[in-house]
Amino acid sequence: MSDSKDLFPDPEADKKAYLAAQKRRNIAIGLSLFAFVVLVFLVSLTRMMQNTPH
C-alpha cells in the first residue's frame, strides 16, 4: 500500500516553496523597475545636455 505522504504533499512545504518563488519574482521585478528608471533618467539627462549651448 502506498504511503499517505505520497498522496498528500505537505502543505507547509508547498507554501514555503511558493513564498520563495514569489520573493525571487518580486526581487527580479524590483531590479528591473529600478534599471528602467535609471535608463530613463540617463536618456533624459543626455537629451537635455544636447540642447544646452556650449
N, C-alpha and C. Protein backbone atom coordinates (compact mmCIF):
# COMPACT_ATOMS: atom_id res chain seq x y z
N MET A 1 0.85 -1.18 0.00
CA MET A 1 0.00 0.00 0.00
C MET A 1 0.89 1.24 0.00
N SER A 2 0.47 2.29 -0.68
CA SER A 2 1.31 3.48 -0.79
C SER A 2 1.22 4.31 0.48
N ASP A 3 2.25 5.06 0.67
CA ASP A 3 2.34 5.91 1.85
C ASP A 3 1.41 7.13 1.67
N SER A 4 0.78 7.57 2.74
CA SER A 4 -0.14 8.71 2.64
C SER A 4 0.60 10.00 2.32
N LYS A 5 1.90 10.07 2.61
CA LYS A 5 2.66 11.27 2.29
C LYS A 5 2.79 11.45 0.78
N ASP A 6 2.78 10.34 0.03
CA ASP A 6 2.84 10.43 -1.42
C ASP A 6 1.55 11.00 -1.99
N LEU A 7 0.44 10.67 -1.37
CA LEU A 7 -0.86 11.12 -1.88
C LEU A 7 -1.15 12.56 -1.49
N PHE A 8 -0.71 12.95 -0.31
CA PHE A 8 -1.00 14.29 0.20
C PHE A 8 0.31 14.99 0.55
N PRO A 9 0.83 15.81 -0.35
CA PRO A 9 2.09 16.50 -0.06
C PRO A 9 1.91 17.47 1.10
N ASP A 10 3.00 17.76 1.75
CA ASP A 10 2.99 18.65 2.91
C ASP A 10 2.62 20.06 2.48
N PRO A 11 1.50 20.60 2.96
CA PRO A 11 1.09 21.95 2.54
C PRO A 11 2.07 23.02 3.00
N GLU A 12 2.74 22.78 4.12
CA GLU A 12 3.69 23.76 4.63
C GLU A 12 4.90 23.87 3.70
N ALA A 13 5.35 22.74 3.17
CA ALA A 13 6.47 22.76 2.22
C ALA A 13 6.06 23.44 0.92
N ASP A 14 4.84 23.19 0.47
CA ASP A 14 4.34 23.85 -0.74
C ASP A 14 4.27 25.36 -0.54
N LYS A 15 3.82 25.78 0.63
CA LYS A 15 3.70 27.20 0.92
C LYS A 15 5.08 27.85 0.96
N LYS A 16 6.05 27.16 1.56
CA LYS A 16 7.41 27.71 1.62
C LYS A 16 8.00 27.85 0.22
N ALA A 17 7.78 26.85 -0.62
CA ALA A 17 8.29 26.92 -1.99
C ALA A 17 7.60 28.04 -2.76
N TYR A 18 6.31 28.20 -2.57
CA TYR A 18 5.55 29.27 -3.24
C TYR A 18 6.07 30.63 -2.80
N LEU A 19 6.27 30.81 -1.49
CA LEU A 19 6.73 32.10 -0.99
C LEU A 19 8.16 32.40 -1.45
N ALA A 20 9.00 31.37 -1.53
CA ALA A 20 10.36 31.58 -2.02
C ALA A 20 10.36 32.00 -3.48
N ALA A 21 9.52 31.36 -4.29
CA ALA A 21 9.42 31.73 -5.70
C ALA A 21 8.85 33.14 -5.85
N GLN A 22 7.89 33.48 -5.02
CA GLN A 22 7.28 34.81 -5.07
C GLN A 22 8.32 35.87 -4.70
N LYS A 23 9.14 35.57 -3.70
CA LYS A 23 10.17 36.52 -3.28
C LYS A 23 11.18 36.75 -4.41
N ARG A 24 11.59 35.67 -5.09
CA ARG A 24 12.52 35.81 -6.22
C ARG A 24 11.90 36.64 -7.34
N ARG A 25 10.62 36.41 -7.62
CA ARG A 25 9.94 37.20 -8.66
C ARG A 25 9.87 38.67 -8.26
N ASN A 26 9.55 38.94 -7.01
CA ASN A 26 9.45 40.32 -6.55
C ASN A 26 10.79 41.04 -6.65
N ILE A 27 11.86 40.35 -6.30
CA ILE A 27 13.19 40.94 -6.39
C ILE A 27 13.54 41.22 -7.85
N ALA A 28 13.24 40.29 -8.74
CA ALA A 28 13.52 40.48 -10.16
C ALA A 28 12.72 41.65 -10.73
N ILE A 29 11.46 41.75 -10.36
CA ILE A 29 10.63 42.86 -10.83
C ILE A 29 11.15 44.19 -10.28
N GLY A 30 11.53 44.21 -9.02
CA GLY A 30 12.07 45.42 -8.41
C GLY A 30 13.35 45.88 -9.08
N LEU A 31 14.26 44.94 -9.34
CA LEU A 31 15.52 45.29 -10.00
C LEU A 31 15.28 45.76 -11.43
N SER A 32 14.34 45.13 -12.12
CA SER A 32 14.01 45.54 -13.48
C SER A 32 13.42 46.95 -13.50
N LEU A 33 12.55 47.23 -12.56
CA LEU A 33 11.95 48.56 -12.48
C LEU A 33 13.02 49.62 -12.16
N PHE A 34 13.91 49.30 -11.25
CA PHE A 34 15.00 50.22 -10.91
C PHE A 34 15.88 50.49 -12.13
N ALA A 35 16.23 49.44 -12.87
CA ALA A 35 17.06 49.59 -14.06
C ALA A 35 16.35 50.44 -15.11
N PHE A 36 15.05 50.27 -15.26
CA PHE A 36 14.28 51.07 -16.21
C PHE A 36 14.28 52.54 -15.81
N VAL A 37 14.10 52.82 -14.53
CA VAL A 37 14.10 54.21 -14.05
C VAL A 37 15.46 54.85 -14.30
N VAL A 38 16.54 54.12 -14.01
CA VAL A 38 17.88 54.65 -14.25
C VAL A 38 18.09 54.91 -15.74
N LEU A 39 17.64 54.00 -16.58
CA LEU A 39 17.78 54.17 -18.03
C LEU A 39 17.03 55.41 -18.52
N VAL A 40 15.80 55.58 -18.07
CA VAL A 40 15.01 56.76 -18.47
C VAL A 40 15.69 58.03 -17.98
N PHE A 41 16.22 58.01 -16.76
CA PHE A 41 16.91 59.18 -16.22
C PHE A 41 18.14 59.53 -17.07
N LEU A 42 18.94 58.52 -17.40
CA LEU A 42 20.16 58.77 -18.17
C LEU A 42 19.83 59.26 -19.58
N VAL A 43 18.83 58.69 -20.21
CA VAL A 43 18.43 59.15 -21.55
C VAL A 43 17.92 60.58 -21.48
N SER A 44 17.12 60.90 -20.48
CA SER A 44 16.60 62.26 -20.32
C SER A 44 17.73 63.25 -20.07
N LEU A 45 18.66 62.88 -19.21
CA LEU A 45 19.79 63.74 -18.91
C LEU A 45 20.64 63.97 -20.15
N THR A 46 20.88 62.94 -20.92
CA THR A 46 21.67 63.06 -22.15
C THR A 46 20.97 63.98 -23.15
N ARG A 47 19.68 63.81 -23.30
CA ARG A 47 18.94 64.65 -24.26
C ARG A 47 18.91 66.11 -23.81
N MET A 48 18.80 66.35 -22.51
CA MET A 48 18.81 67.73 -22.02
C MET A 48 20.19 68.37 -22.20
N MET A 49 21.24 67.58 -22.02
CA MET A 49 22.60 68.11 -22.18
C MET A 49 22.89 68.45 -23.65
N GLN A 50 22.28 67.74 -24.58
CA GLN A 50 22.50 68.02 -26.00
C GLN A 50 21.87 69.34 -26.42
N ASN A 51 20.85 69.78 -25.72
CA ASN A 51 20.15 71.01 -26.09
C ASN A 51 20.74 72.25 -25.46
N THR A 52 21.74 72.12 -24.62
CA THR A 52 22.33 73.30 -23.98
C THR A 52 23.45 73.84 -24.87
N PRO A 53 23.53 75.18 -24.99
CA PRO A 53 24.62 75.76 -25.80
C PRO A 53 25.96 75.61 -25.08
N HIS A 54 27.03 75.48 -25.84
CA HIS A 54 28.36 75.30 -25.25
C HIS A 54 29.00 76.60 -24.99
